[in-house]
PDB file of N, CA and C in Angstrom:
ATOM      1  N   MET A   1      -8.619   3.446  76.180  1.00  0.00           N
ATOM      2  CA  MET A   1      -7.794   4.644  75.508  1.00  0.00           C
ATOM      3  C   MET A   1      -7.853   4.394  73.929  1.00  0.00           C
ATOM      4  N   ASP A   2      -8.532   4.939  72.863  1.00  0.00           N
ATOM      5  CA  ASP A   2      -8.384   4.674  71.686  1.00  0.00           C
ATOM      6  C   ASP A   2      -7.175   5.122  70.768  1.00  0.00           C
ATOM      7  N   ASP A   3      -7.028   4.682  69.682  1.00  0.00           N
ATOM      8  CA  ASP A   3      -5.634   5.303  68.810  1.00  0.00           C
ATOM      9  C   ASP A   3      -5.355   6.388  68.924  1.00  0.00           C
ATOM     10  N   ILE A   4      -6.047   7.144  68.516  1.00  0.00           N
ATOM     11  CA  ILE A   4      -6.181   9.414  68.349  1.00  0.00           C
ATOM     12  C   ILE A   4      -5.909   9.442  70.000  1.00  0.00           C
ATOM     13  N   GLU A   5      -6.553   9.419  70.760  1.00  0.00           N
ATOM     14  CA  GLU A   5      -6.018   9.605  72.347  1.00  0.00           C
ATOM     15  C   GLU A   5      -4.140   9.061  72.495  1.00  0.00           C
ATOM     16  N   ARG A   6      -3.981   8.098  72.187  1.00  0.00           N
ATOM     17  CA  ARG A   6      -3.197   7.549  72.277  1.00  0.00           C
ATOM     18  C   ARG A   6      -1.811   8.508  71.471  1.00  0.00           C
ATOM     19  N   THR A   7      -2.045   8.793  70.340  1.00  0.00           N
ATOM     20  CA  THR A   7      -1.113   9.195  69.471  1.00  0.00           C
ATOM     21  C   THR A   7      -0.792  10.765  70.242  1.00  0.00           C
ATOM     22  N   LEU A   8      -2.074  11.169  70.701  1.00  0.00           N
ATOM     23  CA  LEU A   8      -1.797  12.656  71.261  1.00  0.00           C
ATOM     24  C   LEU A   8      -1.500  12.590  72.370  1.00  0.00           C
ATOM     25  N   LEU A   9      -1.657  11.704  73.148  1.00  0.00           N
ATOM     26  CA  LEU A   9      -0.738  11.470  73.965  1.00  0.00           C
ATOM     27  C   LEU A   9       0.384  11.574  74.162  1.00  0.00           C
ATOM     28  N   LYS A  10       0.910  10.602  73.162  1.00  0.00           N
ATOM     29  CA  LYS A  10       2.525  10.258  72.940  1.00  0.00           C
ATOM     30  C   LYS A  10       3.014  11.644  72.139  1.00  0.00           C
ATOM     31  N   LEU A  11       2.229  12.586  71.380  1.00  0.00           N
ATOM     32  CA  LEU A  11       2.995  13.809  70.866  1.00  0.00           C
ATOM     33  C   LEU A  11       2.956  14.370  71.957  1.00  0.00           C
ATOM     34  N   ALA A  12       2.079  14.328  73.026  1.00  0.00           N
ATOM     35  CA  ALA A  12       2.005  15.890  73.954  1.00  0.00           C
ATOM     36  C   ALA A  12       3.200  15.702  75.014  1.00  0.00           C
ATOM     37  N   ILE A  13       3.704  14.531  75.118  1.00  0.00           N
ATOM     38  CA  ILE A  13       4.861  13.907  76.119  1.00  0.00           C
ATOM     39  C   ILE A  13       6.117  13.967  75.204  1.00  0.00           C
ATOM     40  N   GLY A  14       5.991  14.288  73.813  1.00  0.00           N
ATOM     41  CA  GLY A  14       7.556  14.145  73.079  1.00  0.00           C
ATOM     42  C   GLY A  14       7.789  12.467  73.018  1.00  0.00           C
ATOM     43  N   ASP A  15       6.859  11.997  73.020  1.00  0.00           N
ATOM     44  CA  ASP A  15       7.535  10.462  72.966  1.00  0.00           C
ATOM     45  C   ASP A  15       8.713  10.066  71.273  1.00  0.00           C
ATOM     46  N   ASP A  16       9.598  10.196  71.540  1.00  0.00           N
ATOM     47  CA  ASP A  16      10.671   9.913  70.541  1.00  0.00           C
ATOM     48  C   ASP A  16      10.232   8.859  69.295  1.00  0.00           C
ATOM     49  N   ALA A  17       9.648   7.685  69.326  1.00  0.00           N
ATOM     50  CA  ALA A  17       9.355   6.617  68.195  1.00  0.00           C
ATOM     51  C   ALA A  17       8.415   7.154  67.588  1.00  0.00           C
ATOM     52  N   CYS A  18       7.387   7.924  68.529  1.00  0.00           N
ATOM     53  CA  CYS A  18       6.324   8.410  67.620  1.00  0.00           C
ATOM     54  C   CYS A  18       6.490   9.236  66.514  1.00  0.00           C
ATOM     55  N   ILE A  19       7.418  10.268  67.345  1.00  0.00           N
ATOM     56  CA  ILE A  19       7.939  11.301  66.381  1.00  0.00           C
ATOM     57  C   ILE A  19       8.829  10.631  65.394  1.00  0.00           C
ATOM     58  N   GLU A  20       9.447  10.370  65.503  1.00  0.00           N
ATOM     59  CA  GLU A  20      10.142   9.470  64.450  1.00  0.00           C
ATOM     60  C   GLU A  20       9.625   8.699  63.569  1.00  0.00           C
ATOM     61  N   LYS A  21       8.863   7.946  63.861  1.00  0.00           N
ATOM     62  CA  LYS A  21       7.970   7.476  63.115  1.00  0.00           C
ATOM     63  C   LYS A  21       7.114   8.762  61.965  1.00  0.00           C
ATOM     64  N   MET A  22       6.440   9.875  62.587  1.00  0.00           N
ATOM     65  CA  MET A  22       5.800  10.909  62.216  1.00  0.00           C
ATOM     66  C   MET A  22       7.009  11.331  61.001  1.00  0.00           C
ATOM     67  N   LEU A  23       8.048  11.674  61.100  1.00  0.00           N
ATOM     68  CA  LEU A  23       9.393  12.241  60.445  1.00  0.00           C
ATOM     69  C   LEU A  23      10.062  11.257  59.570  1.00  0.00           C
ATOM     70  N   ALA A  24       9.612  10.157  59.775  1.00  0.00           N
ATOM     71  CA  ALA A  24      10.466   9.141  59.133  1.00  0.00           C
ATOM     72  C   ALA A  24      10.227   9.565  57.450  1.00  0.00           C
ATOM     73  N   SER A  25       8.788   9.589  56.803  1.00  0.00           N
ATOM     74  CA  SER A  25       8.845   9.611  55.609  1.00  0.00           C
ATOM     75  C   SER A  25       7.509  10.939  55.213  1.00  0.00           C
ATOM     76  N   GLN A  26       7.483  11.347  54.680  1.00  0.00           N
ATOM     77  CA  GLN A  26       6.378  12.580  53.821  1.00  0.00           C
ATOM     78  C   GLN A  26       5.082  11.511  54.140  1.00  0.00           C
ATOM     79  N   SER A  27       5.482   9.990  53.167  1.00  0.00           N
ATOM     80  CA  SER A  27       4.187   9.069  53.232  1.00  0.00           C
ATOM     81  C   SER A  27       3.868   8.676  54.425  1.00  0.00           C
ATOM     82  N   ALA A  28       4.325   8.432  55.639  1.00  0.00           N
ATOM     83  CA  ALA A  28       4.378   8.333  57.257  1.00  0.00           C
ATOM     84  C   ALA A  28       3.462   9.590  57.391  1.00  0.00           C
ATOM     85  N   ASN A  29       3.887  10.126  57.270  1.00  0.00           N
ATOM     86  CA  ASN A  29       3.477  11.345  58.114  1.00  0.00           C
ATOM     87  C   ASN A  29       2.321  11.881  57.859  1.00  0.00           C
ATOM     88  N   LEU A  30       1.596  11.583  55.954  1.00  0.00           N
ATOM     89  CA  LEU A  30       0.774  11.880  55.795  1.00  0.00           C
ATOM     90  C   LEU A  30      -0.016  10.680  56.352  1.00  0.00           C
ATOM     91  N   ALA A  31      -0.023   9.481  56.279  1.00  0.00           N
ATOM     92  CA  ALA A  31      -0.693   8.383  56.804  1.00  0.00           C
ATOM     93  C   ALA A  31      -1.028   8.924  58.644  1.00  0.00           C
ATOM     94  N   GLY A  32       0.163   9.186  59.161  1.00  0.00           N
ATOM     95  CA  GLY A  32      -0.206   9.544  60.241  1.00  0.00           C
ATOM     96  C   GLY A  32      -1.005  10.337  60.734  1.00  0.00           C
ATOM     97  N   SER A  33      -1.522  11.404  59.690  1.00  0.00           N
ATOM     98  CA  SER A  33      -1.974  12.502  59.935  1.00  0.00           C
ATOM     99  C   SER A  33      -3.581  12.264  59.852  1.00  0.00           C
ATOM    100  N   ARG A  34      -3.474  11.259  58.520  1.00  0.00           N
ATOM    101  CA  ARG A  34      -5.150  10.644  58.371  1.00  0.00           C
ATOM    102  C   ARG A  34      -6.044  11.927  57.899  1.00  0.00           C
ATOM    103  N   LEU A  35      -5.440  12.710  56.995  1.00  0.00           N
ATOM    104  CA  LEU A  35      -5.808  14.018  56.699  1.00  0.00           C
ATOM    105  C   LEU A  35      -5.718  13.191  54.890  1.00  0.00           C
ATOM    106  N   ASP A  36      -6.633  13.726  54.011  1.00  0.00           N
ATOM    107  CA  ASP A  36      -6.299  13.554  52.696  1.00  0.00           C
ATOM    108  C   ASP A  36      -5.100  14.271  51.738  1.00  0.00           C
ATOM    109  N   ALA A  37      -4.659  13.708  51.040  1.00  0.00           N
ATOM    110  CA  ALA A  37      -3.470  14.098  50.739  1.00  0.00           C
ATOM    111  C   ALA A  37      -3.487  16.161  50.843  1.00  0.00           C
ATOM    112  N   LYS A  38      -4.755  16.384  49.595  1.00  0.00           N
ATOM    113  CA  LYS A  38      -4.645  18.222  49.398  1.00  0.00           C
ATOM    114  C   LYS A  38      -4.969  18.579  51.026  1.00  0.00           C
ATOM    115  N   THR A  39      -5.890  18.318  51.647  1.00  0.00           N
ATOM    116  CA  THR A  39      -5.450  18.834  53.020  1.00  0.00           C
ATOM    117  C   THR A  39      -4.596  19.056  53.801  1.00  0.00           C
ATOM    118  N   HIS A  40      -3.718  17.912  53.398  1.00  0.00           N
ATOM    119  CA  HIS A  40      -2.474  18.057  54.347  1.00  0.00           C
ATOM    120  C   HIS A  40      -1.262  18.745  53.874  1.00  0.00           C
ATOM    121  N   SER A  41      -1.322  18.864  52.263  1.00  0.00           N
ATOM    122  CA  SER A  41      -0.822  19.756  51.863  1.00  0.00           C
ATOM    123  C   SER A  41      -0.803  21.360  51.879  1.00  0.00           C
ATOM    124  N   LEU A  42      -1.828  21.637  52.246  1.00  0.00           N
ATOM    125  CA  LEU A  42      -2.518  22.666  52.379  1.00  0.00           C
ATOM    126  C   LEU A  42      -2.466  23.199  54.223  1.00  0.00           C
ATOM    127  N   VAL A  43      -1.937  22.270  55.014  1.00  0.00           N
ATOM    128  CA  VAL A  43      -1.621  22.657  56.630  1.00  0.00           C
ATOM    129  C   VAL A  43      -0.357  22.579  56.202  1.00  0.00           C
ATOM    130  N   ARG A  44       0.799  22.102  55.415  1.00  0.00           N
ATOM    131  CA  ARG A  44       1.910  22.131  55.218  1.00  0.00           C
ATOM    132  C   ARG A  44       2.369  23.830  55.162  1.00  0.00           C
ATOM    133  N   LEU A  45       1.484  24.181  54.312  1.00  0.00           N
ATOM    134  CA  LEU A  45       2.012  25.432  53.668  1.00  0.00           C
ATOM    135  C   LEU A  45       1.453  26.595  54.713  1.00  0.00           C
ATOM    136  N   GLY A  46       0.266  26.161  55.393  1.00  0.00           N
ATOM    137  CA  GLY A  46      -0.091  27.471  56.353  1.00  0.00           C
ATOM    138  C   GLY A  46       0.993  27.361  57.625  1.00  0.00           C
ATOM    139  N   ALA A  47       1.515  26.364  58.017  1.00  0.00           N
ATOM    140  CA  ALA A  47       2.585  26.254  58.630  1.00  0.00           C
ATOM    141  C   ALA A  47       3.870  27.058  58.281  1.00  0.00           C
ATOM    142  N   LEU A  48       4.077  26.928  57.096  1.00  0.00           N
ATOM    143  CA  LEU A  48       5.485  27.425  56.565  1.00  0.00           C
ATOM    144  C   LEU A  48       4.836  28.760  56.617  1.00  0.00           C
ATOM    145  N   ILE A  49       3.754  29.418  56.413  1.00  0.00           N
ATOM    146  CA  ILE A  49       3.431  30.442  56.408  1.00  0.00           C
ATOM    147  C   ILE A  49       3.460  31.245  57.981  1.00  0.00           C
ATOM    148  N   ALA A  50       3.023  30.353  58.883  1.00  0.00           N
ATOM    149  CA  ALA A  50       3.266  30.392  60.325  1.00  0.00           C
ATOM    150  C   ALA A  50       4.607  30.656  60.996  1.00  0.00           C
ATOM    151  N   VAL A  51       5.433  30.246  60.459  1.00  0.00           N
ATOM    152  CA  VAL A  51       6.549  30.222  60.838  1.00  0.00           C
ATOM    153  C   VAL A  51       7.534  30.880  60.025  1.00  0.00           C
ATOM    154  N   ASP A  52       7.065  31.818  58.833  1.00  0.00           N
ATOM    155  CA  ASP A  52       7.894  32.716  58.242  1.00  0.00           C
ATOM    156  C   ASP A  52       9.385  31.774  57.608  1.00  0.00           C
ATOM    157  N   ALA A  53       8.655  30.776  56.953  1.00  0.00           N
ATOM    158  CA  ALA A  53      10.113  30.099  56.471  1.00  0.00           C
ATOM    159  C   ALA A  53      10.333  31.102  55.182  1.00  0.00           C
ATOM    160  N   ALA A  54      11.592  30.284  54.658  1.00  0.00           N
ATOM    161  CA  ALA A  54      12.113  30.946  53.634  1.00  0.00           C
ATOM    162  C   ALA A  54      11.455  30.214  52.176  1.00  0.00           C
ATOM    163  N   TRP A  55      11.567  30.981  51.510  1.00  0.00           N
ATOM    164  CA  TRP A  55      11.401  30.813  49.762  1.00  0.00           C
ATOM    165  C   TRP A  55      11.423  28.855  49.505  1.00  0.00           C
ATOM    166  N   PRO A  56      12.779  28.790  49.934  1.00  0.00           N
ATOM    167  CA  PRO A  56      13.111  27.495  48.939  1.00  0.00           C
ATOM    168  C   PRO A  56      11.940  26.209  50.058  1.00  0.00           C
ATOM    169  N   SER A  57      11.752  27.109  51.377  1.00  0.00           N
ATOM    170  CA  SER A  57      10.809  25.654  52.076  1.00  0.00           C
ATOM    171  C   SER A  57       9.632  25.417  50.976  1.00  0.00           C
ATOM    172  N   TYR A  58       9.143  26.560  50.208  1.00  0.00           N
ATOM    173  CA  TYR A  58       7.946  26.344  50.024  1.00  0.00           C
ATOM    174  C   TYR A  58       7.795  25.305  48.774  1.00  0.00           C
ATOM    175  N   LEU A  59       9.231  25.452  47.914  1.00  0.00           N
ATOM    176  CA  LEU A  59       9.304  24.194  46.716  1.00  0.00           C
ATOM    177  C   LEU A  59       8.439  22.794  47.409  1.00  0.00           C
ATOM    178  N   ASP A  60       8.776  22.176  47.938  1.00  0.00           N
ATOM    179  CA  ASP A  60       8.782  21.190  48.611  1.00  0.00           C
ATOM    180  C   ASP A  60       7.199  21.033  48.694  1.00  0.00           C
ATOM    181  N   ALA A  61       6.516  21.403  49.417  1.00  0.00           N
ATOM    182  CA  ALA A  61       5.515  21.745  49.829  1.00  0.00           C
ATOM    183  C   ALA A  61       4.273  21.914  48.999  1.00  0.00           C
ATOM    184  N   ILE A  62       4.718  22.948  47.924  1.00  0.00           N
ATOM    185  CA  ILE A  62       4.516  23.375  46.605  1.00  0.00           C
ATOM    186  C   ILE A  62       3.893  22.077  45.424  1.00  0.00           C
ATOM    187  N   GLU A  63       5.134  21.018  45.527  1.00  0.00           N
ATOM    188  CA  GLU A  63       5.156  20.035  44.994  1.00  0.00           C
ATOM    189  C   GLU A  63       4.142  19.120  45.249  1.00  0.00           C
ATOM    190  N   SER A  64       4.515  18.948  46.721  1.00  0.00           N
ATOM    191  CA  SER A  64       3.914  17.822  47.318  1.00  0.00           C
ATOM    192  C   SER A  64       2.182  18.049  46.958  1.00  0.00           C
ATOM    193  N   ALA A  65       1.600  19.890  47.093  1.00  0.00           N
ATOM    194  CA  ALA A  65       0.156  20.204  46.828  1.00  0.00           C
ATOM    195  C   ALA A  65      -0.113  19.843  45.441  1.00  0.00           C
ATOM    196  N   ARG A  66       0.847  19.849  44.129  1.00  0.00           N
ATOM    197  CA  ARG A  66       0.733  19.943  43.005  1.00  0.00           C
ATOM    198  C   ARG A  66       0.204  18.440  42.958  1.00  0.00           C
ATOM    199  N   GLU A  67       0.788  17.341  43.611  1.00  0.00           N
ATOM    200  CA  GLU A  67       0.737  16.128  43.244  1.00  0.00           C
ATOM    201  C   GLU A  67      -0.195  15.683  43.839  1.00  0.00           C
ATOM    202  N   SER A  68      -0.700  15.798  44.796  1.00  0.00           N
ATOM    203  CA  SER A  68      -2.570  16.371  45.417  1.00  0.00           C
ATOM    204  C   SER A  68      -3.544  16.937  44.515  1.00  0.00           C
ATOM    205  N   HIS A  69      -3.477  17.189  43.452  1.00  0.00           N
ATOM    206  CA  HIS A  69      -4.064  18.075  42.788  1.00  0.00           C
ATOM    207  C   HIS A  69      -4.449  19.163  43.030  1.00  0.00           C
ATOM    208  N   THR A  70      -3.582  19.937  44.259  1.00  0.00           N
ATOM    209  CA  THR A  70      -4.113  21.103  44.801  1.00  0.00           C
ATOM    210  C   THR A  70      -4.004  21.985  43.659  1.00  0.00           C
ATOM    211  N   SER A  71      -4.686  23.236  43.713  1.00  0.00           N
ATOM    212  CA  SER A  71      -4.691  24.368  42.365  1.00  0.00           C
ATOM    213  C   SER A  71      -3.861  25.174  42.564  1.00  0.00           C
ATOM    214  N   ASP A  72      -3.744  26.551  42.237  1.00  0.00           N
ATOM    215  CA  ASP A  72      -3.057  27.416  42.862  1.00  0.00           C
ATOM    216  C   ASP A  72      -3.702  28.356  43.402  1.00  0.00           C
ATOM    217  N   GLU A  73      -5.111  28.017  43.266  1.00  0.00           N
ATOM    218  CA  GLU A  73      -6.383  29.207  43.675  1.00  0.00           C
ATOM    219  C   GLU A  73      -6.344  28.788  44.982  1.00  0.00           C
ATOM    220  N   GLU A  74      -5.739  27.096  45.239  1.00  0.00           N
ATOM    221  CA  GLU A  74      -6.195  26.671  46.694  1.00  0.00           C
ATOM    222  C   GLU A  74      -5.194  26.980  47.423  1.00  0.00           C
ATOM    223  N   LEU A  75      -4.137  27.469  46.414  1.00  0.00           N
ATOM    224  CA  LEU A  75      -2.522  27.641  47.769  1.00  0.00           C
ATOM    225  C   LEU A  75      -3.265  29.058  48.088  1.00  0.00           C
ATOM    226  N   ILE A  76      -3.132  29.754  46.901  1.00  0.00           N
ATOM    227  CA  ILE A  76      -3.521  31.350  47.658  1.00  0.00           C
ATOM    228  C   ILE A  76      -4.514  31.553  48.803  1.00  0.00           C
ATOM    229  N   GLY A  77      -5.504  30.946  48.185  1.00  0.00           N
ATOM    230  CA  GLY A  77      -6.516  30.590  49.669  1.00  0.00           C
ATOM    231  C   GLY A  77      -6.108  30.386  50.561  1.00  0.00           C
ATOM    232  N   CYS A  78      -5.229  29.443  50.706  1.00  0.00           N
ATOM    233  CA  CYS A  78      -4.609  28.550  51.902  1.00  0.00           C
ATOM    234  C   CYS A  78      -3.753  30.394  52.944  1.00  0.00           C
ATOM    235  N   LEU A  79      -3.165  30.749  52.120  1.00  0.00           N
ATOM    236  CA  LEU A  79      -2.437  31.857  52.466  1.00  0.00           C
ATOM    237  C   LEU A  79      -3.379  33.274  52.871  1.00  0.00           C
ATOM    238  N   ILE A  80      -4.435  33.071  51.963  1.00  0.00           N
ATOM    239  CA  ILE A  80      -5.532  34.369  52.945  1.00  0.00           C
ATOM    240  C   ILE A  80      -6.104  33.693  53.730  1.00  0.00           C
ATOM    241  N   ALA A  81      -6.492  32.706  53.818  1.00  0.00           N
ATOM    242  CA  ALA A  81      -7.009  31.647  55.369  1.00  0.00           C
ATOM    243  C   ALA A  81      -6.378  32.214  56.644  1.00  0.00           C
ATOM    244  N   THR A  82      -5.006  32.253  56.286  1.00  0.00           N
ATOM    245  CA  THR A  82      -4.376  32.580  57.443  1.00  0.00           C
ATOM    246  C   THR A  82      -4.196  33.946  57.985  1.00  0.00           C
ATOM    247  N   LEU A  83      -4.708  34.603  57.272  1.00  0.00           N
ATOM    248  CA  LEU A  83      -4.398  36.503  57.151  1.00  0.00           C
ATOM    249  C   LEU A  83      -5.113  36.843  58.776  1.00  0.00           C
ATOM    250  N   PRO A  84      -6.542  36.206  59.709  1.00  0.00           N
ATOM    251  CA  PRO A  84      -7.097  36.678  60.209  1.00  0.00           C
ATOM    252  C   PRO A  84      -5.857  36.288  61.640  1.00  0.00           C
ATOM    253  N   VAL A  85      -5.408  34.884  61.175  1.00  0.00           N
ATOM    254  CA  VAL A  85      -4.779  34.558  62.454  1.00  0.00           C
ATOM    255  C   VAL A  85      -3.472  34.892  62.553  1.00  0.00           C
ATOM    256  N   LEU A  86      -3.052  35.354  61.347  1.00  0.00           N
ATOM    257  CA  LEU A  86      -1.409  35.862  61.683  1.00  0.00           C
ATOM    258  C   LEU A  86      -1.120  37.240  61.468  1.00  0.00           C
ATOM    259  N   GLY A  87      -1.871  37.567  60.381  1.00  0.00           N
ATOM    260  CA  GLY A  87      -1.974  39.066  60.563  1.00  0.00           C
ATOM    261  C   GLY A  87      -1.450  39.310  58.931  1.00  0.00           C
ATOM    262  N   ALA A  88      -1.434  40.915  58.919  1.00  0.00           N
ATOM    263  CA  ALA A  88      -1.147  41.110  57.261  1.00  0.00           C
ATOM    264  C   ALA A  88       0.412  40.999  57.334  1.00  0.00           C
ATOM    265  N   ALA A  89       1.314  41.497  58.128  1.00  0.00           N
ATOM    266  CA  ALA A  89       2.785  41.235  58.010  1.00  0.00           C
ATOM    267  C   ALA A  89       3.092  40.127  57.773  1.00  0.00           C
ATOM    268  N   ARG A  90       3.056  38.997  57.989  1.00  0.00           N
ATOM    269  CA  ARG A  90       3.060  37.421  58.034  1.00  0.00           C
ATOM    270  C   ARG A  90       2.409  37.452  56.869  1.00  0.00           C
ATOM    271  N   VAL A  91       1.265  37.339  56.022  1.00  0.00           N
ATOM    272  CA  VAL A  91       1.014  37.060  54.804  1.00  0.00           C
ATOM    273  C   VAL A  91       1.843  38.075  53.961  1.00  0.00           C
ATOM    274  N   THR A  92       1.739  38.940  54.074  1.00  0.00           N
ATOM    275  CA  THR A  92       2.991  39.924  53.070  1.00  0.00           C
ATOM    276  C   THR A  92       4.120  39.172  53.360  1.00  0.00           C
ATOM    277  N   SER A  93       4.608  38.765  53.982  1.00  0.00           N
ATOM    278  CA  SER A  93       6.132  38.049  53.693  1.00  0.00           C
ATOM    279  C   SER A  93       5.948  37.406  53.065  1.00  0.00           C
ATOM    280  N   ALA A  94       4.833  36.469  53.566  1.00  0.00           N
ATOM    281  CA  ALA A  94       4.843  34.792  52.729  1.00  0.00           C
ATOM    282  C   ALA A  94       4.479  35.143  51.359  1.00  0.00           C
ATOM    283  N   ALA A  95       3.538  36.188  50.648  1.00  0.00           N
ATOM    284  CA  ALA A  95       3.499  36.431  49.729  1.00  0.00           C
ATOM    285  C   ALA A  95       4.116  36.205  48.406  1.00  0.00           C
ATOM    286  N   PRO A  96       4.916  36.905  48.458  1.00  0.00           N
ATOM    287  CA  PRO A  96       6.174  36.725  47.312  1.00  0.00           C
ATOM    288  C   PRO A  96       7.193  35.444  47.527  1.00  0.00           C
ATOM    289  N   LYS A  97       7.138  35.081  48.618  1.00  0.00           N
ATOM    290  CA  LYS A  97       8.067  33.317  48.710  1.00  0.00           C
ATOM    291  C   LYS A  97       6.880  32.343  48.039  1.00  0.00           C
ATOM    292  N   LEU A  98       6.018  32.505  48.272  1.00  0.00           N
ATOM    293  CA  LEU A  98       4.480  31.934  47.916  1.00  0.00           C
ATOM    294  C   LEU A  98       4.673  31.962  46.507  1.00  0.00           C
ATOM    295  N   GLY A  99       5.032  32.996  46.033  1.00  0.00           N
ATOM    296  CA  GLY A  99       5.026  33.558  44.467  1.00  0.00           C
ATOM    297  C   GLY A  99       5.750  32.847  43.530  1.00  0.00           C
ATOM    298  N   VAL A 100       7.304  32.831  44.366  1.00  0.00           N
ATOM    299  CA  VAL A 100       8.385  32.399  44.471  1.00  0.00           C
ATOM    300  C   VAL A 100       8.203  30.844  43.355  1.00  0.00           C
ATOM    301  N   ALA A 101       7.619  30.025  44.420  1.00  0.00           N
ATOM    302  CA  ALA A 101       7.326  28.576  44.553  1.00  0.00           C
ATOM    303  C   ALA A 101       6.407  28.300  42.980  1.00  0.00           C
ATOM    304  N   LEU A 102       5.285  29.007  43.057  1.00  0.00           N
ATOM    305  CA  LEU A 102       4.411  29.272  41.703  1.00  0.00           C
ATOM    306  C   LEU A 102       5.023  29.561  40.624  1.00  0.00           C
ATOM    307  N   GLY A 103       5.994  29.892  40.516  1.00  0.00           N
ATOM    308  CA  GLY A 103       6.636  30.051  39.465  1.00  0.00           C
ATOM    309  C   GLY A 103       6.657  31.896  38.660  1.00  0.00           C
ATOM    310  N   TYR A 104       5.694  32.372  39.969  1.00  0.00           N
ATOM    311  CA  TYR A 104       5.293  33.751  39.699  1.00  0.00           C
ATOM    312  C   TYR A 104       6.369  34.590  40.659  1.00  0.00           C
ATOM    313  N   ASP A 105       6.833  35.838  39.928  1.00  0.00           N
ATOM    314  CA  ASP A 105       7.968  36.940  40.684  1.00  0.00           C
ATOM    315  C   ASP A 105       7.143  37.767  40.681  1.00  0.00           C
ATOM    316  N   VAL A 106       6.322  38.086  41.737  1.00  0.00           N
ATOM    317  CA  VAL A 106       6.198  39.105  42.556  1.00  0.00           C
ATOM    318  C   VAL A 106       6.686  40.505  42.583  1.00  0.00           C
ATOM    319  N   ALA A 107       7.860  40.475  43.333  1.00  0.00           N
ATOM    320  CA  ALA A 107       8.654  41.239  43.150  1.00  0.00           C
ATOM    321  C   ALA A 107       8.963  41.693  41.684  1.00  0.00           C
ATOM    322  N   ALA A 108       9.355  41.076  40.793  1.00  0.00           N
ATOM    323  CA  ALA A 108       9.729  41.714  39.454  1.00  0.00           C
ATOM    324  C   ALA A 108       8.157  42.133  39.126  1.00  0.00           C
ATOM    325  N   ALA A 109       7.325  41.424  39.013  1.00  0.00           N
ATOM    326  CA  ALA A 109       6.153  42.207  38.554  1.00  0.00           C
ATOM    327  C   ALA A 109       5.738  43.860  38.947  1.00  0.00           C
ATOM    328  N   LEU A 110       5.944  43.891  40.201  1.00  0.00           N
ATOM    329  CA  LEU A 110       6.051  44.958  40.961  1.00  0.00           C
ATOM    330  C   LEU A 110       6.685  46.259  40.345  1.00  0.00           C
ATOM    331  N   GLU A 111       8.657  45.737  40.110  1.00  0.00           N
ATOM    332  CA  GLU A 111       9.299  46.511  39.396  1.00  0.00           C
ATOM    333  C   GLU A 111       8.672  46.783  38.395  1.00  0.00           C
ATOM    334  N   GLU A 112       8.194  45.847  37.331  1.00  0.00           N
ATOM    335  CA  GLU A 112       7.621  46.209  35.914  1.00  0.00           C
ATOM    336  C   GLU A 112       6.520  47.445  36.004  1.00  0.00           C
ATOM    337  N   SER A 113       5.403  47.082  36.692  1.00  0.00           N
ATOM    338  CA  SER A 113       4.613  47.932  36.870  1.00  0.00           C
ATOM    339  C   SER A 113       4.899  49.410  37.057  1.00  0.00           C
ATOM    340  N   GLY A 114       5.557  49.388  38.367  1.00  0.00           N
ATOM    341  CA  GLY A 114       5.495  50.511  38.522  1.00  0.00           C
ATOM    342  C   GLY A 114       4.940  51.062  39.986  1.00  0.00           C
ATOM    343  N   SER A 115       3.882  50.051  40.157  1.00  0.00           N
ATOM    344  CA  SER A 115       2.884  50.349  40.913  1.00  0.00           C
ATOM    345  C   SER A 115       2.835  49.209  41.547  1.00  0.00           C
ATOM    346  N   PRO A 116       2.494  49.061  43.162  1.00  0.00           N
ATOM    347  CA  PRO A 116       2.102  48.221  44.183  1.00  0.00           C
ATOM    348  C   PRO A 116       0.618  47.192  43.399  1.00  0.00           C
ATOM    349  N   LEU A 117      -0.106  48.082  42.472  1.00  0.00           N
ATOM    350  CA  LEU A 117      -1.234  47.775  42.089  1.00  0.00           C
ATOM    351  C   LEU A 117      -1.459  47.741  40.745  1.00  0.00           C
ATOM    352  N   GLY A 118      -0.674  47.499  40.255  1.00  0.00           N
ATOM    353  CA  GLY A 118      -0.308  47.191  38.521  1.00  0.00           C
ATOM    354  C   GLY A 118      -0.887  48.039  37.794  1.00  0.00           C
TER     355      GLY A 118
END
């Protein structure tokens, strides 16, 4: 059994030591994921969108993404990429939360424009 299979097995059975290791720190999680930092940050954002996380949860994900030189366009692209899987309702819920985390208040912009289309 190779290392990848062993890790998958440990995660599948809920191996406490393996899970605790991956939760110990962001750097441990990044190393364990074997993803590059940018991909890791986009996956984390996708997970936040999927679980309909509260907007403060997005702040850490956005900070991590920016540290890995992920552009705002790529972050919005992540939101768009989740649309076929999660549906319009989830993406519509996530868009203003992501906007606030990026420093853009979608709700205020809509109020100012008086129209959803600007």
